[in-house]
PDB file of N, CA and C in Angstrom:
ATOM      1  N   UNK A   1       0.822  -1.172   0.000  1.00  0.00           N
ATOM      2  CA  UNK A   1       0.000   0.000   0.000  1.00  0.00           C
ATOM      3  C   UNK A   1       0.878   1.251   0.000  1.00  0.00           C
ATOM      4  N   UNK A   2       1.933   1.218   0.779  1.00  0.00           N
ATOM      5  CA  UNK A   2       2.809   2.385   0.867  1.00  0.00           C
ATOM      6  C   UNK A   2       3.436   2.697  -0.488  1.00  0.00           C
ATOM      7  N   UNK A   3       3.930   1.676  -1.165  1.00  0.00           N
ATOM      8  CA  UNK A   3       4.555   1.909  -2.472  1.00  0.00           C
ATOM      9  C   UNK A   3       3.527   2.374  -3.494  1.00  0.00           C
ATOM     10  N   UNK A   4       2.283   1.955  -3.340  1.00  0.00           N
ATOM     11  CA  UNK A   4       1.204   2.402  -4.225  1.00  0.00           C
ATOM     12  C   UNK A   4       1.062   3.918  -4.129  1.00  0.00           C
ATOM     13  N   UNK A   5       1.023   4.435  -2.916  1.00  0.00           N
ATOM     14  CA  UNK A   5       0.907   5.875  -2.718  1.00  0.00           C
ATOM     15  C   UNK A   5       2.155   6.622  -3.143  1.00  0.00           C
ATOM     16  N   UNK A   6       3.310   6.041  -2.865  1.00  0.00           N
ATOM     17  CA  UNK A   6       4.568   6.686  -3.231  1.00  0.00           C
ATOM     18  C   UNK A   6       4.771   6.733  -4.740  1.00  0.00           C
ATOM     19  N   UNK A   7       4.087   5.858  -5.464  1.00  0.00           N
ATOM     20  CA  UNK A   7       4.241   5.842  -6.922  1.00  0.00           C
ATOM     21  C   UNK A   7       3.416   6.931  -7.595  1.00  0.00           C
ATOM     22  N   UNK A   8       2.696   7.727  -6.794  1.00  0.00           N
ATOM     23  CA  UNK A   8       1.927   8.827  -7.352  1.00  0.00           C
ATOM     24  C   UNK A   8       0.478   8.488  -7.656  1.00  0.00           C
ATOM     25  N   UNK A   9       0.061   7.295  -7.282  1.00  0.00           N
ATOM     26  CA  UNK A   9      -1.332   6.909  -7.515  1.00  0.00           C
ATOM     27  C   UNK A   9      -2.262   7.770  -6.661  1.00  0.00           C
ATOM     28  N   UNK A  10      -3.421   8.076  -7.219  1.00  0.00           N
ATOM     29  CA  UNK A  10      -4.410   8.895  -6.529  1.00  0.00           C
ATOM     30  C   UNK A  10      -5.665   8.056  -6.315  1.00  0.00           C
ATOM     31  N   UNK A  11      -6.244   8.164  -5.129  1.00  0.00           N
ATOM     32  CA  UNK A  11      -7.473   7.418  -4.833  1.00  0.00           C
ATOM     33  C   UNK A  11      -8.679   8.188  -5.350  1.00  0.00           C
ATOM     34  N   UNK A  12      -8.845   8.179  -6.667  1.00  0.00           N
ATOM     35  CA  UNK A  12     -10.044   8.772  -7.248  1.00  0.00           C
ATOM     36  C   UNK A  12     -11.114   7.689  -7.382  1.00  0.00           C
ATOM     37  N   UNK A  13     -12.284   8.058  -7.913  1.00  0.00           N
ATOM     38  CA  UNK A  13     -13.383   7.089  -8.006  1.00  0.00           C
ATOM     39  C   UNK A  13     -13.027   5.890  -8.879  1.00  0.00           C
ATOM     40  N   UNK A  14     -12.360   6.130  -9.987  1.00  0.00           N
ATOM     41  CA  UNK A  14     -12.016   5.035 -10.905  1.00  0.00           C
ATOM     42  C   UNK A  14     -11.038   4.057 -10.257  1.00  0.00           C
ATOM     43  N   UNK A  15     -10.026   4.582  -9.567  1.00  0.00           N
ATOM     44  CA  UNK A  15      -9.050   3.719  -8.899  1.00  0.00           C
ATOM     45  C   UNK A  15      -9.711   2.938  -7.771  1.00  0.00           C
ATOM     46  N   UNK A  16     -10.552   3.611  -7.007  1.00  0.00           N
ATOM     47  CA  UNK A  16     -11.246   2.934  -5.915  1.00  0.00           C
ATOM     48  C   UNK A  16     -12.167   1.843  -6.453  1.00  0.00           C
ATOM     49  N   UNK A  17     -12.839   2.106  -7.564  1.00  0.00           N
ATOM     50  CA  UNK A  17     -13.709   1.091  -8.166  1.00  0.00           C
ATOM     51  C   UNK A  17     -12.899  -0.129  -8.585  1.00  0.00           C
ATOM     52  N   UNK A  18     -11.758   0.102  -9.226  1.00  0.00           N
ATOM     53  CA  UNK A  18     -10.899  -1.025  -9.621  1.00  0.00           C
ATOM     54  C   UNK A  18     -10.406  -1.784  -8.392  1.00  0.00           C
ATOM     55  N   UNK A  19     -10.038  -1.054  -7.344  1.00  0.00           N
ATOM     56  CA  UNK A  19      -9.554  -1.685  -6.114  1.00  0.00           C
ATOM     57  C   UNK A  19     -10.647  -2.516  -5.446  1.00  0.00           C
ATOM     58  N   UNK A  20     -11.844  -1.971  -5.378  1.00  0.00           N
ATOM     59  CA  UNK A  20     -12.943  -2.708  -4.760  1.00  0.00           C
ATOM     60  C   UNK A  20     -13.324  -3.940  -5.574  1.00  0.00           C
ATOM     61  N   UNK A  21     -13.042  -3.911  -6.868  1.00  0.00           N
ATOM     62  CA  UNK A  21     -13.320  -5.061  -7.726  1.00  0.00           C
ATOM     63  C   UNK A  21     -12.301  -6.169  -7.493  1.00  0.00           C
ATOM     64  N   UNK A  22     -11.017  -5.788  -7.427  1.00  0.00           N
ATOM     65  CA  UNK A  22      -9.948  -6.782  -7.299  1.00  0.00           C
ATOM     66  C   UNK A  22      -8.736  -6.129  -6.631  1.00  0.00           C
ATOM     67  N   UNK A  23      -8.700  -6.095  -5.291  1.00  0.00           N
ATOM     68  CA  UNK A  23      -7.637  -5.396  -4.574  1.00  0.00           C
ATOM     69  C   UNK A  23      -6.227  -5.823  -4.969  1.00  0.00           C
ATOM     70  N   UNK A  24      -6.012  -7.103  -5.135  1.00  0.00           N
ATOM     71  CA  UNK A  24      -4.658  -7.591  -5.422  1.00  0.00           C
ATOM     72  C   UNK A  24      -4.169  -7.195  -6.808  1.00  0.00           C
ATOM     73  N   UNK A  25      -5.071  -6.965  -7.737  1.00  0.00           N
ATOM     74  CA  UNK A  25      -4.668  -6.548  -9.082  1.00  0.00           C
ATOM     75  C   UNK A  25      -4.265  -5.078  -9.109  1.00  0.00           C
ATOM     76  N   UNK A  26      -4.835  -4.282  -8.213  1.00  0.00           N
ATOM     77  CA  UNK A  26      -4.560  -2.842  -8.200  1.00  0.00           C
ATOM     78  C   UNK A  26      -3.342  -2.519  -7.350  1.00  0.00           C
ATOM     79  N   UNK A  27      -3.262  -3.104  -6.168  1.00  0.00           N
ATOM     80  CA  UNK A  27      -2.143  -2.853  -5.257  1.00  0.00           C
ATOM     81  C   UNK A  27      -1.322  -4.136  -5.180  1.00  0.00           C
ATOM     82  N   UNK A  28      -0.284  -4.178  -5.974  1.00  0.00           N
ATOM     83  CA  UNK A  28       0.572  -5.367  -6.028  1.00  0.00           C
ATOM     84  C   UNK A  28       1.191  -5.640  -4.661  1.00  0.00           C
ATOM     85  N   UNK A  29       1.197  -6.904  -4.281  1.00  0.00           N
ATOM     86  CA  UNK A  29       1.815  -7.306  -3.029  1.00  0.00           C
ATOM     87  C   UNK A  29       0.911  -7.204  -1.816  1.00  0.00           C
ATOM     88  N   UNK A  30      -0.314  -6.719  -2.002  1.00  0.00           N
ATOM     89  CA  UNK A  30      -1.212  -6.636  -0.852  1.00  0.00           C
ATOM     90  C   UNK A  30      -1.574  -8.038  -0.381  1.00  0.00           C
ATOM     91  N   UNK A  31      -1.727  -8.188   0.907  1.00  0.00           N
ATOM     92  CA  UNK A  31      -2.075  -9.486   1.483  1.00  0.00           C
ATOM     93  C   UNK A  31      -3.517  -9.494   1.970  1.00  0.00           C
ATOM     94  N   UNK A  32      -4.245  -8.506   1.551  1.00  0.00           N
ATOM     95  CA  UNK A  32      -5.627  -8.363   1.978  1.00  0.00           C
ATOM     96  C   UNK A  32      -6.445  -9.581   1.561  1.00  0.00           C
ATOM     97  N   UNK A  33      -7.164 -10.170   2.506  1.00  0.00           N
ATOM     98  CA  UNK A  33      -7.966 -11.362   2.225  1.00  0.00           C
ATOM     99  C   UNK A  33      -9.286 -11.022   1.538  1.00  0.00           C
ATOM    100  N   UNK A  34      -9.645  -9.758   1.492  1.00  0.00           N
ATOM    101  CA  UNK A  34     -10.889  -9.311   0.865  1.00  0.00           C
ATOM    102  C   UNK A  34     -10.861  -9.635  -0.622  1.00  0.00           C
ATOM    103  N   UNK A  35     -11.817 -10.432  -1.119  1.00  0.00           N
ATOM    104  CA  UNK A  35     -11.786 -10.845  -2.527  1.00  0.00           C
ATOM    105  C   UNK A  35     -12.287  -9.787  -3.492  1.00  0.00           C
ATOM    106  N   UNK A  36     -12.937  -8.759  -3.000  1.00  0.00           N
ATOM    107  CA  UNK A  36     -13.469  -7.718  -3.870  1.00  0.00           C
ATOM    108  C   UNK A  36     -14.978  -7.787  -3.960  1.00  0.00           C
ATOM    109  N   UNK A  37     -15.565  -6.712  -4.466  1.00  0.00           N
ATOM    110  CA  UNK A  37     -17.011  -6.643  -4.675  1.00  0.00           C
ATOM    111  C   UNK A  37     -17.272  -6.783  -6.163  1.00  0.00           C
ATOM    112  N   UNK A  38     -17.908  -7.840  -6.554  1.00  0.00           N
ATOM    113  CA  UNK A  38     -18.143  -8.082  -7.979  1.00  0.00           C
ATOM    114  C   UNK A  38     -19.337  -7.295  -8.508  1.00  0.00           C
ATOM    115  N   UNK A  39     -20.289  -6.972  -7.644  1.00  0.00           N
ATOM    116  CA  UNK A  39     -21.504  -6.275  -8.064  1.00  0.00           C
ATOM    117  C   UNK A  39     -21.245  -4.772  -8.201  1.00  0.00           C
ATOM    118  N   UNK A  40     -21.514  -4.230  -9.378  1.00  0.00           N
ATOM    119  CA  UNK A  40     -21.281  -2.809  -9.649  1.00  0.00           C
ATOM    120  C   UNK A  40     -22.063  -1.922  -8.688  1.00  0.00           C
ATOM    121  N   UNK A  41     -23.297  -2.267  -8.405  1.00  0.00           N
ATOM    122  CA  UNK A  41     -24.119  -1.455  -7.503  1.00  0.00           C
ATOM    123  C   UNK A  41     -23.524  -1.421  -6.101  1.00  0.00           C
ATOM    124  N   UNK A  42     -22.981  -2.529  -5.637  1.00  0.00           N
ATOM    125  CA  UNK A  42     -22.335  -2.556  -4.322  1.00  0.00           C
ATOM    126  C   UNK A  42     -21.139  -1.613  -4.291  1.00  0.00           C
ATOM    127  N   UNK A  43     -20.315  -1.659  -5.342  1.00  0.00           N
ATOM    128  CA  UNK A  43     -19.145  -0.770  -5.396  1.00  0.00           C
ATOM    129  C   UNK A  43     -19.583   0.691  -5.464  1.00  0.00           C
ATOM    130  N   UNK A  44     -20.589   0.974  -6.280  1.00  0.00           N
ATOM    131  CA  UNK A  44     -21.099   2.345  -6.386  1.00  0.00           C
ATOM    132  C   UNK A  44     -21.606   2.845  -5.039  1.00  0.00           C
ATOM    133  N   UNK A  45     -22.275   1.976  -4.283  1.00  0.00           N
ATOM    134  CA  UNK A  45     -22.783   2.364  -2.966  1.00  0.00           C
ATOM    135  C   UNK A  45     -21.652   2.649  -1.986  1.00  0.00           C
ATOM    136  N   UNK A  46     -20.611   1.848  -2.005  1.00  0.00           N
ATOM    137  CA  UNK A  46     -19.460   2.085  -1.125  1.00  0.00           C
ATOM    138  C   UNK A  46     -18.804   3.417  -1.476  1.00  0.00           C
ATOM    139  N   UNK A  47     -18.605   3.666  -2.752  1.00  0.00           N
ATOM    140  CA  UNK A  47     -17.975   4.916  -3.191  1.00  0.00           C
ATOM    141  C   UNK A  47     -18.846   6.113  -2.823  1.00  0.00           C
ATOM    142  N   UNK A  48     -20.159   6.013  -3.026  1.00  0.00           N
ATOM    143  CA  UNK A  48     -21.073   7.104  -2.661  1.00  0.00           C
ATOM    144  C   UNK A  48     -21.021   7.365  -1.162  1.00  0.00           C
ATOM    145  N   UNK A  49     -20.966   6.309  -0.368  1.00  0.00           N
ATOM    146  CA  UNK A  49     -20.870   6.470   1.081  1.00  0.00           C
ATOM    147  C   UNK A  49     -19.578   7.194   1.454  1.00  0.00           C
ATOM    148  N   UNK A  50     -18.468   6.763   0.891  1.00  0.00           N
ATOM    149  CA  UNK A  50     -17.186   7.401   1.209  1.00  0.00           C
ATOM    150  C   UNK A  50     -17.184   8.872   0.804  1.00  0.00           C
ATOM    151  N   UNK A  51     -17.804   9.192  -0.323  1.00  0.00           N
ATOM    152  CA  UNK A  51     -17.882  10.587  -0.769  1.00  0.00           C
ATOM    153  C   UNK A  51     -18.750  11.431   0.156  1.00  0.00           C
ATOM    154  N   UNK A  52     -19.684  10.799   0.868  1.00  0.00           N
ATOM    155  CA  UNK A  52     -20.583  11.544   1.750  1.00  0.00           C
ATOM    156  C   UNK A  52     -19.926  11.920   3.078  1.00  0.00           C
ATOM    157  N   UNK A  53     -18.808  11.301   3.400  1.00  0.00           N
ATOM    158  CA  UNK A  53     -18.132  11.562   4.668  1.00  0.00           C
ATOM    159  C   UNK A  53     -17.386  12.890   4.616  1.00  0.00           C
ATOM    160  N   UNK A  54     -17.345  13.595   5.744  1.00  0.00           N
ATOM    161  CA  UNK A  54     -16.572  14.842   5.772  1.00  0.00           C
ATOM    162  C   UNK A  54     -15.087  14.551   5.573  1.00  0.00           C
ATOM    163  N   UNK A  55     -14.418  15.469   4.941  1.00  0.00           N
ATOM    164  CA  UNK A  55     -12.985  15.288   4.674  1.00  0.00           C
ATOM    165  C   UNK A  55     -12.146  15.794   5.800  1.00  0.00           C
TER     166      UNK A  55
END
């Protein structure tokens, strides 16, 4: 995760959607056991929720 951020990657909606779909494909070397959210509506809901939080 650290090298992902250091490489200049930005957590925008598109990157977050790809990550929520398949974490290991987006962040190489992650050991996260989370397999991803395959349903587009589920990912959209997570992203909408995160956008609703104060920064």
